[in-house]
Full PDB file with SEQRES, HELIX, SHEET, SSBOND, CRYST1, ORIGX, SCALE, CONECT and MASTER records, all heavy atoms in Angstrom:
SEQRES   1 A   33  LEU LYS GLY ASP ASN ARG ALA GLU TYR GLY ALA GLU VAL          
SEQRES   2 A   33  ILE VAL ARG LEU ALA GLN GLU LEU LYS ALA ALA TYR GLY          
SEQRES   3 A   33  ASP GLY PHE THR LYS THR ASN                                  
HELIX    1 AA1 ALA A    7  TYR A   25  1                                  19    
CRYST1    1.000    1.000    1.000  90.00  90.00  90.00 P 1           1          
ORIGX1      1.000000  0.000000  0.000000        0.00000                         
ORIGX2      0.000000  1.000000  0.000000        0.00000                         
ORIGX3      0.000000  0.000000  1.000000        0.00000                         
SCALE1      1.000000  0.000000  0.000000        0.00000                         
SCALE2      0.000000  1.000000  0.000000        0.00000                         
SCALE3      0.000000  0.000000  1.000000        0.00000                         
ATOM      1  N   LEU A   1     -38.855 -31.214  61.457  1.00  0.00           N  
ATOM      2  CA  LEU A   1     -39.090 -32.154  60.362  1.00  0.00           C  
ATOM      3  C   LEU A   1     -40.538 -32.622  60.312  1.00  0.00           C  
ATOM      4  O   LEU A   1     -41.007 -33.055  59.277  1.00  0.00           O  
ATOM      5  CB  LEU A   1     -38.155 -33.356  60.484  1.00  0.00           C  
ATOM      6  CG  LEU A   1     -36.661 -33.050  60.397  1.00  0.00           C  
ATOM      7  CD1 LEU A   1     -35.857 -34.326  60.557  1.00  0.00           C  
ATOM      8  CD2 LEU A   1     -36.320 -32.356  59.094  1.00  0.00           C  
ATOM      9  N   LYS A   2     -41.221 -32.550  61.441  1.00  0.00           N  
ATOM     10  CA  LYS A   2     -42.632 -32.952  61.547  1.00  0.00           C  
ATOM     11  C   LYS A   2     -42.877 -34.331  60.963  1.00  0.00           C  
ATOM     12  O   LYS A   2     -43.854 -34.573  60.286  1.00  0.00           O  
ATOM     13  CB  LYS A   2     -43.520 -31.911  60.885  1.00  0.00           C  
ATOM     14  CG  LYS A   2     -43.446 -30.574  61.566  1.00  0.00           C  
ATOM     15  CD  LYS A   2     -44.362 -29.575  60.947  1.00  0.00           C  
ATOM     16  CE  LYS A   2     -44.353 -28.350  61.807  1.00  0.00           C  
ATOM     17  NZ  LYS A   2     -44.056 -27.119  61.245  1.00  0.00           N  
ATOM     18  N   GLY A   3     -41.919 -35.222  61.238  1.00  0.00           N  
ATOM     19  CA  GLY A   3     -42.073 -36.594  60.775  1.00  0.00           C  
ATOM     20  C   GLY A   3     -41.848 -36.770  59.289  1.00  0.00           C  
ATOM     21  O   GLY A   3     -42.031 -37.849  58.752  1.00  0.00           O  
ATOM     22  N   ASP A   4     -41.454 -35.690  58.610  1.00  0.00           N  
ATOM     23  CA  ASP A   4     -41.224 -35.756  57.169  1.00  0.00           C  
ATOM     24  C   ASP A   4     -39.931 -36.517  56.914  1.00  0.00           C  
ATOM     25  O   ASP A   4     -38.862 -36.111  57.337  1.00  0.00           O  
ATOM     26  CB  ASP A   4     -41.121 -34.341  56.601  1.00  0.00           C  
ATOM     27  CG  ASP A   4     -41.205 -34.315  55.092  1.00  0.00           C  
ATOM     28  OD1 ASP A   4     -40.862 -35.333  54.464  1.00  0.00           O  
ATOM     29  OD2 ASP A   4     -41.625 -33.283  54.547  1.00  0.00           O  
ATOM     30  N   ASN A   5     -40.036 -37.608  56.203  1.00  0.00           N  
ATOM     31  CA  ASN A   5     -38.863 -38.452  55.966  1.00  0.00           C  
ATOM     32  C   ASN A   5     -38.192 -38.187  54.623  1.00  0.00           C  
ATOM     33  O   ASN A   5     -37.323 -38.940  54.223  1.00  0.00           O  
ATOM     34  CB  ASN A   5     -39.260 -39.933  56.061  1.00  0.00           C  
ATOM     35  CG  ASN A   5     -39.558 -40.325  57.488  1.00  0.00           C  
ATOM     36  OD1 ASN A   5     -38.958 -39.806  58.414  1.00  0.00           O  
ATOM     37  ND2 ASN A   5     -40.507 -41.227  57.653  1.00  0.00           N  
ATOM     38  N   ARG A   6     -38.621 -37.144  53.929  1.00  0.00           N  
ATOM     39  CA  ARG A   6     -37.980 -36.854  52.645  1.00  0.00           C  
ATOM     40  C   ARG A   6     -36.545 -36.424  52.892  1.00  0.00           C  
ATOM     41  O   ARG A   6     -36.281 -35.427  53.556  1.00  0.00           O  
ATOM     42  CB  ARG A   6     -38.739 -35.756  51.899  1.00  0.00           C  
ATOM     43  CG  ARG A   6     -40.098 -36.211  51.424  1.00  0.00           C  
ATOM     44  CD  ARG A   6     -40.822 -35.111  50.703  1.00  0.00           C  
ATOM     45  NE  ARG A   6     -41.103 -34.026  51.649  1.00  0.00           N  
ATOM     46  CZ  ARG A   6     -41.162 -32.751  51.318  1.00  0.00           C  
ATOM     47  NH1 ARG A   6     -40.951 -32.368  50.089  1.00  0.00           N  
ATOM     48  NH2 ARG A   6     -41.438 -31.840  52.228  1.00  0.00           N  
ATOM     49  N   ALA A   7     -35.615 -37.162  52.359  1.00  0.00           N  
ATOM     50  CA  ALA A   7     -34.189 -36.919  52.598  1.00  0.00           C  
ATOM     51  C   ALA A   7     -33.774 -35.515  52.176  1.00  0.00           C  
ATOM     52  O   ALA A   7     -33.025 -34.837  52.872  1.00  0.00           O  
ATOM     53  CB  ALA A   7     -33.359 -37.962  51.866  1.00  0.00           C  
ATOM     54  N   GLU A   8     -34.267 -35.070  51.046  1.00  0.00           N  
ATOM     55  CA  GLU A   8     -33.885 -33.755  50.524  1.00  0.00           C  
ATOM     56  C   GLU A   8     -34.318 -32.636  51.476  1.00  0.00           C  
ATOM     57  O   GLU A   8     -33.531 -31.759  51.815  1.00  0.00           O  
ATOM     58  CB  GLU A   8     -34.562 -33.568  49.157  1.00  0.00           C  
ATOM     59  CG  GLU A   8     -33.887 -32.598  48.239  1.00  0.00           C  
ATOM     60  CD  GLU A   8     -34.561 -32.638  46.880  1.00  0.00           C  
ATOM     61  OE1 GLU A   8     -34.384 -33.636  46.147  1.00  0.00           O  
ATOM     62  OE2 GLU A   8     -35.269 -31.667  46.581  1.00  0.00           O  
ATOM     63  N   TYR A   9     -35.563 -32.676  51.904  1.00  0.00           N  
ATOM     64  CA  TYR A   9     -36.087 -31.658  52.816  1.00  0.00           C  
ATOM     65  C   TYR A   9     -35.327 -31.688  54.141  1.00  0.00           C  
ATOM     66  O   TYR A   9     -34.896 -30.655  54.641  1.00  0.00           O  
ATOM     67  CB  TYR A   9     -37.582 -31.895  53.056  1.00  0.00           C  
ATOM     68  CG  TYR A   9     -38.159 -31.003  54.128  1.00  0.00           C  
ATOM     69  CD1 TYR A   9     -38.421 -29.667  53.861  1.00  0.00           C  
ATOM     70  CD2 TYR A   9     -38.437 -31.494  55.395  1.00  0.00           C  
ATOM     71  CE1 TYR A   9     -38.945 -28.838  54.836  1.00  0.00           C  
ATOM     72  CE2 TYR A   9     -38.960 -30.670  56.376  1.00  0.00           C  
ATOM     73  CZ  TYR A   9     -39.211 -29.349  56.093  1.00  0.00           C  
ATOM     74  OH  TYR A   9     -39.727 -28.537  57.068  1.00  0.00           O  
ATOM     75  N   GLY A  10     -35.134 -32.875  54.683  1.00  0.00           N  
ATOM     76  CA  GLY A  10     -34.434 -33.018  55.956  1.00  0.00           C  
ATOM     77  C   GLY A  10     -33.012 -32.506  55.886  1.00  0.00           C  
ATOM     78  O   GLY A  10     -32.531 -31.830  56.800  1.00  0.00           O  
ATOM     79  N   ALA A  11     -32.333 -32.788  54.784  1.00  0.00           N  
ATOM     80  CA  ALA A  11     -30.948 -32.347  54.627  1.00  0.00           C  
ATOM     81  C   ALA A  11     -30.863 -30.829  54.611  1.00  0.00           C  
ATOM     82  O   ALA A  11     -29.984 -30.243  55.244  1.00  0.00           O  
ATOM     83  CB  ALA A  11     -30.352 -32.935  53.359  1.00  0.00           C  
ATOM     84  N   GLU A  12     -31.783 -30.172  53.917  1.00  0.00           N  
ATOM     85  CA  GLU A  12     -31.784 -28.712  53.863  1.00  0.00           C  
ATOM     86  C   GLU A  12     -32.014 -28.109  55.250  1.00  0.00           C  
ATOM     87  O   GLU A  12     -31.335 -27.157  55.641  1.00  0.00           O  
ATOM     88  CB  GLU A  12     -32.875 -28.214  52.915  1.00  0.00           C  
ATOM     89  CG  GLU A  12     -32.610 -28.484  51.463  1.00  0.00           C  
ATOM     90  CD  GLU A  12     -33.777 -28.089  50.590  1.00  0.00           C  
ATOM     91  OE1 GLU A  12     -34.613 -27.255  51.019  1.00  0.00           O  
ATOM     92  OE2 GLU A  12     -33.876 -28.613  49.472  1.00  0.00           O  
ATOM     93  N   VAL A  13     -32.971 -28.657  55.956  1.00  0.00           N  
ATOM     94  CA  VAL A  13     -33.297 -28.149  57.289  1.00  0.00           C  
ATOM     95  C   VAL A  13     -32.117 -28.334  58.236  1.00  0.00           C  
ATOM     96  O   VAL A  13     -31.742 -27.406  58.966  1.00  0.00           O  
ATOM     97  CB  VAL A  13     -34.555 -28.854  57.852  1.00  0.00           C  
ATOM     98  CG1 VAL A  13     -34.753 -28.536  59.320  1.00  0.00           C  
ATOM     99  CG2 VAL A  13     -35.776 -28.461  57.049  1.00  0.00           C  
ATOM    100  N   ILE A  14     -31.515 -29.501  58.223  1.00  0.00           N  
ATOM    101  CA  ILE A  14     -30.400 -29.795  59.124  1.00  0.00           C  
ATOM    102  C   ILE A  14     -29.206 -28.898  58.815  1.00  0.00           C  
ATOM    103  O   ILE A  14     -28.571 -28.367  59.727  1.00  0.00           O  
ATOM    104  CB  ILE A  14     -30.003 -31.291  59.051  1.00  0.00           C  
ATOM    105  CG1 ILE A  14     -31.144 -32.176  59.552  1.00  0.00           C  
ATOM    106  CG2 ILE A  14     -28.718 -31.558  59.814  1.00  0.00           C  
ATOM    107  CD1 ILE A  14     -31.450 -32.083  61.019  1.00  0.00           C  
ATOM    108  N   VAL A  15     -28.887 -28.704  57.558  1.00  0.00           N  
ATOM    109  CA  VAL A  15     -27.755 -27.854  57.181  1.00  0.00           C  
ATOM    110  C   VAL A  15     -27.988 -26.427  57.665  1.00  0.00           C  
ATOM    111  O   VAL A  15     -27.103 -25.806  58.272  1.00  0.00           O  
ATOM    112  CB  VAL A  15     -27.508 -27.891  55.650  1.00  0.00           C  
ATOM    113  CG1 VAL A  15     -26.555 -26.786  55.214  1.00  0.00           C  
ATOM    114  CG2 VAL A  15     -26.964 -29.243  55.247  1.00  0.00           C  
ATOM    115  N   ARG A  16     -29.165 -25.897  57.422  1.00  0.00           N  
ATOM    116  CA  ARG A  16     -29.485 -24.525  57.836  1.00  0.00           C  
ATOM    117  C   ARG A  16     -29.456 -24.388  59.356  1.00  0.00           C  
ATOM    118  O   ARG A  16     -28.878 -23.443  59.902  1.00  0.00           O  
ATOM    119  CB  ARG A  16     -30.838 -24.105  57.265  1.00  0.00           C  
ATOM    120  CG  ARG A  16     -31.129 -22.632  57.430  1.00  0.00           C  
ATOM    121  CD  ARG A  16     -32.384 -22.176  56.697  1.00  0.00           C  
ATOM    122  NE  ARG A  16     -33.576 -22.882  57.136  1.00  0.00           N  
ATOM    123  CZ  ARG A  16     -34.248 -23.778  56.388  1.00  0.00           C  
ATOM    124  NH1 ARG A  16     -33.845 -24.083  55.176  1.00  0.00           N  
ATOM    125  NH2 ARG A  16     -35.324 -24.379  56.863  1.00  0.00           N  
ATOM    126  N   LEU A  17     -30.049 -25.346  60.050  1.00  0.00           N  
ATOM    127  CA  LEU A  17     -30.071 -25.310  61.506  1.00  0.00           C  
ATOM    128  C   LEU A  17     -28.664 -25.426  62.080  1.00  0.00           C  
ATOM    129  O   LEU A  17     -28.309 -24.710  63.023  1.00  0.00           O  
ATOM    130  CB  LEU A  17     -30.962 -26.427  62.053  1.00  0.00           C  
ATOM    131  CG  LEU A  17     -31.128 -26.486  63.560  1.00  0.00           C  
ATOM    132  CD1 LEU A  17     -31.736 -25.199  64.097  1.00  0.00           C  
ATOM    133  CD2 LEU A  17     -31.997 -27.683  63.934  1.00  0.00           C  
ATOM    134  N   ALA A  18     -27.826 -26.289  61.499  1.00  0.00           N  
ATOM    135  CA  ALA A  18     -26.450 -26.442  61.965  1.00  0.00           C  
ATOM    136  C   ALA A  18     -25.690 -25.127  61.825  1.00  0.00           C  
ATOM    137  O   ALA A  18     -24.951 -24.724  62.730  1.00  0.00           O  
ATOM    138  CB  ALA A  18     -25.747 -27.559  61.191  1.00  0.00           C  
ATOM    139  N   GLN A  19     -25.886 -24.438  60.716  1.00  0.00           N  
ATOM    140  CA  GLN A  19     -25.206 -23.156  60.515  1.00  0.00           C  
ATOM    141  C   GLN A  19     -25.636 -22.144  61.574  1.00  0.00           C  
ATOM    142  O   GLN A  19     -24.806 -21.428  62.135  1.00  0.00           O  
ATOM    143  CB  GLN A  19     -25.504 -22.618  59.117  1.00  0.00           C  
ATOM    144  CG  GLN A  19     -24.854 -23.417  58.019  1.00  0.00           C  
ATOM    145  CD  GLN A  19     -25.354 -23.034  56.632  1.00  0.00           C  
ATOM    146  OE1 GLN A  19     -26.380 -22.370  56.478  1.00  0.00           O  
ATOM    147  NE2 GLN A  19     -24.620 -23.470  55.611  1.00  0.00           N  
ATOM    148  N   GLU A  20     -26.934 -22.085  61.847  1.00  0.00           N  
ATOM    149  CA  GLU A  20     -27.449 -21.130  62.837  1.00  0.00           C  
ATOM    150  C   GLU A  20     -26.952 -21.462  64.243  1.00  0.00           C  
ATOM    151  O   GLU A  20     -26.535 -20.573  64.985  1.00  0.00           O  
ATOM    152  CB  GLU A  20     -28.977 -21.115  62.802  1.00  0.00           C  
ATOM    153  CG  GLU A  20     -29.548 -20.527  61.536  1.00  0.00           C  
ATOM    154  CD  GLU A  20     -31.060 -20.674  61.445  1.00  0.00           C  
ATOM    155  OE1 GLU A  20     -31.711 -21.020  62.462  1.00  0.00           O  
ATOM    156  OE2 GLU A  20     -31.605 -20.448  60.350  1.00  0.00           O  
ATOM    157  N   LEU A  21     -26.999 -22.738  64.615  1.00  0.00           N  
ATOM    158  CA  LEU A  21     -26.559 -23.129  65.955  1.00  0.00           C  
ATOM    159  C   LEU A  21     -25.052 -22.958  66.128  1.00  0.00           C  
ATOM    160  O   LEU A  21     -24.598 -22.526  67.192  1.00  0.00           O  
ATOM    161  CB  LEU A  21     -26.973 -24.577  66.250  1.00  0.00           C  
ATOM    162  CG  LEU A  21     -28.463 -24.799  66.472  1.00  0.00           C  
ATOM    163  CD1 LEU A  21     -28.772 -26.289  66.560  1.00  0.00           C  
ATOM    164  CD2 LEU A  21     -28.944 -24.076  67.708  1.00  0.00           C  
ATOM    165  N   LYS A  22     -24.282 -23.288  65.101  1.00  0.00           N  
ATOM    166  CA  LYS A  22     -22.831 -23.110  65.185  1.00  0.00           C  
ATOM    167  C   LYS A  22     -22.485 -21.634  65.341  1.00  0.00           C  
ATOM    168  O   LYS A  22     -21.586 -21.286  66.114  1.00  0.00           O  
ATOM    169  CB  LYS A  22     -22.143 -23.691  63.956  1.00  0.00           C  
ATOM    170  CG  LYS A  22     -21.982 -25.198  64.014  1.00  0.00           C  
ATOM    171  CD  LYS A  22     -21.446 -25.791  62.728  1.00  0.00           C  
ATOM    172  CE  LYS A  22     -20.108 -25.272  62.359  1.00  0.00           C  
ATOM    173  NZ  LYS A  22     -19.530 -25.924  61.164  1.00  0.00           N  
ATOM    174  N   ALA A  23     -23.189 -20.771  64.638  1.00  0.00           N  
ATOM    175  CA  ALA A  23     -22.926 -19.334  64.751  1.00  0.00           C  
ATOM    176  C   ALA A  23     -23.245 -18.838  66.158  1.00  0.00           C  
ATOM    177  O   ALA A  23     -22.535 -17.994  66.704  1.00  0.00           O  
ATOM    178  CB  ALA A  23     -23.753 -18.565  63.713  1.00  0.00           C  
ATOM    179  N   ALA A  24     -24.290 -19.377  66.754  1.00  0.00           N  
ATOM    180  CA  ALA A  24     -24.719 -18.913  68.082  1.00  0.00           C  
ATOM    181  C   ALA A  24     -23.984 -19.602  69.230  1.00  0.00           C  
ATOM    182  O   ALA A  24     -23.715 -18.972  70.252  1.00  0.00           O  
ATOM    183  CB  ALA A  24     -26.220 -19.121  68.236  1.00  0.00           C  
ATOM    184  N   TYR A  25     -23.662 -20.908  69.067  1.00  0.00           N  
ATOM    185  CA  TYR A  25     -23.175 -21.689  70.208  1.00  0.00           C  
ATOM    186  C   TYR A  25     -21.841 -22.397  69.994  1.00  0.00           C  
ATOM    187  O   TYR A  25     -21.343 -23.031  70.916  1.00  0.00           O  
ATOM    188  CB  TYR A  25     -24.226 -22.722  70.623  1.00  0.00           C  
ATOM    189  CG  TYR A  25     -25.527 -22.091  71.021  1.00  0.00           C  
ATOM    190  CD1 TYR A  25     -26.639 -22.158  70.192  1.00  0.00           C  
ATOM    191  CD2 TYR A  25     -25.644 -21.416  72.225  1.00  0.00           C  
ATOM    192  CE1 TYR A  25     -27.835 -21.570  70.554  1.00  0.00           C  
ATOM    193  CE2 TYR A  25     -26.838 -20.820  72.588  1.00  0.00           C  
ATOM    194  CZ  TYR A  25     -27.926 -20.900  71.744  1.00  0.00           C  
ATOM    195  OH  TYR A  25     -29.104 -20.312  72.116  1.00  0.00           O  
ATOM    196  N   GLY A  26     -21.292 -22.366  68.805  1.00  0.00           N  
ATOM    197  CA  GLY A  26     -19.993 -22.993  68.597  1.00  0.00           C  
ATOM    198  C   GLY A  26     -20.044 -24.271  67.779  1.00  0.00           C  
ATOM    199  O   GLY A  26     -21.090 -24.681  67.285  1.00  0.00           O  
ATOM    200  N   ASP A  27     -18.878 -24.901  67.682  1.00  0.00           N  
ATOM    201  CA  ASP A  27     -18.679 -26.017  66.761  1.00  0.00           C  
ATOM    202  C   ASP A  27     -19.358 -27.330  67.143  1.00  0.00           C  
ATOM    203  O   ASP A  27     -19.338 -28.268  66.365  1.00  0.00           O  
ATOM    204  CB  ASP A  27     -17.182 -26.277  66.587  1.00  0.00           C  
ATOM    205  CG  ASP A  27     -16.498 -25.150  65.826  1.00  0.00           C  
ATOM    206  OD1 ASP A  27     -17.181 -24.471  65.038  1.00  0.00           O  
ATOM    207  OD2 ASP A  27     -15.291 -24.956  66.031  1.00  0.00           O  
ATOM    208  N   GLY A  28     -19.952 -27.452  68.297  1.00  0.00           N  
ATOM    209  CA  GLY A  28     -20.562 -28.707  68.714  1.00  0.00           C  
ATOM    210  C   GLY A  28     -21.864 -29.031  68.008  1.00  0.00           C  
ATOM    211  O   GLY A  28     -22.454 -30.082  68.238  1.00  0.00           O  
ATOM    212  N   PHE A  29     -22.318 -28.147  67.125  1.00  0.00           N  
ATOM    213  CA  PHE A  29     -23.615 -28.319  66.490  1.00  0.00           C  
ATOM    214  C   PHE A  29     -23.493 -28.490  64.983  1.00  0.00           C  
ATOM    215  O   PHE A  29     -24.161 -27.822  64.207  1.00  0.00           O  
ATOM    216  CB  PHE A  29     -24.534 -27.146  66.853  1.00  0.00           C  
ATOM    217  CG  PHE A  29     -24.793 -27.062  68.319  1.00  0.00           C  
ATOM    218  CD1 PHE A  29     -24.055 -26.213  69.118  1.00  0.00           C  
ATOM    219  CD2 PHE A  29     -25.745 -27.868  68.910  1.00  0.00           C  
ATOM    220  CE1 PHE A  29     -24.271 -26.148  70.479  1.00  0.00           C  
ATOM    221  CE2 PHE A  29     -25.967 -27.817  70.269  1.00  0.00           C  
ATOM    222  CZ  PHE A  29     -25.232 -26.960  71.058  1.00  0.00           C  
ATOM    223  N   THR A  30     -22.653 -29.431  64.589  1.00  0.00           N  
ATOM    224  CA  THR A  30     -22.491 -29.730  63.168  1.00  0.00           C  
ATOM    225  C   THR A  30     -23.720 -30.470  62.659  1.00  0.00           C  
ATOM    226  O   THR A  30     -24.517 -31.002  63.441  1.00  0.00           O  
ATOM    227  CB  THR A  30     -21.246 -30.613  62.946  1.00  0.00           C  
ATOM    228  OG1 THR A  30     -21.467 -31.868  63.621  1.00  0.00           O  
ATOM    229  CG2 THR A  30     -19.983 -29.944  63.462  1.00  0.00           C  
ATOM    230  N   LYS A  31     -23.844 -30.548  61.343  1.00  0.00           N  
ATOM    231  CA  LYS A  31     -24.991 -31.292  60.796  1.00  0.00           C  
ATOM    232  C   LYS A  31     -24.911 -32.762  61.195  1.00  0.00           C  
ATOM    233  O   LYS A  31     -25.939 -33.381  61.467  1.00  0.00           O  
ATOM    234  CB  LYS A  31     -25.116 -31.111  59.290  1.00  0.00           C  
ATOM    235  CG  LYS A  31     -24.040 -31.747  58.470  1.00  0.00           C  
ATOM    236  CD  LYS A  31     -24.280 -31.541  56.988  1.00  0.00           C  
ATOM    237  CE  LYS A  31     -23.202 -32.295  56.226  1.00  0.00           C  
ATOM    238  NZ  LYS A  31     -23.421 -32.298  54.807  1.00  0.00           N  
ATOM    239  N   THR A  32     -23.688 -33.311  61.278  1.00  0.00           N  
ATOM    240  CA  THR A  32     -23.530 -34.698  61.717  1.00  0.00           C  
ATOM    241  C   THR A  32     -24.056 -34.875  63.134  1.00  0.00           C  
ATOM    242  O   THR A  32     -24.780 -35.833  63.420  1.00  0.00           O  
ATOM    243  CB  THR A  32     -22.049 -35.125  61.646  1.00  0.00           C  
ATOM    244  OG1 THR A  32     -21.605 -35.000  60.296  1.00  0.00           O  
ATOM    245  CG2 THR A  32     -21.856 -36.548  62.118  1.00  0.00           C  
ATOM    246  N   ASN A  33     -23.714 -33.949  64.023  1.00  0.00           N  
ATOM    247  CA  ASN A  33     -24.204 -34.039  65.393  1.00  0.00           C  
ATOM    248  C   ASN A  33     -25.719 -33.900  65.446  1.00  0.00           C  
ATOM    249  O   ASN A  33     -26.381 -34.608  66.211  1.00  0.00           O  
ATOM    250  CB  ASN A  33     -23.535 -32.996  66.278  1.00  0.00           C  
ATOM    251  CG  ASN A  33     -22.127 -33.374  66.657  1.00  0.00           C  
ATOM    252  OD1 ASN A  33     -21.696 -34.502  66.453  1.00  0.00           O  
ATOM    253  ND2 ASN A  33     -21.396 -32.418  67.200  1.00  0.00           N  
TER     254      ASN A  33                                                      
MASTER        0    0    0    1    0    0    0    6  253    1    0    3          
END                                                                             
């Protein structure tokens, strides 16, 4: 996020990262987590 507080940008990054981590490591890496 590099300190970027824009909600829209952060939400996109978190959703994408959650999908990648869940695929690699399982369900413990939801966007909420």
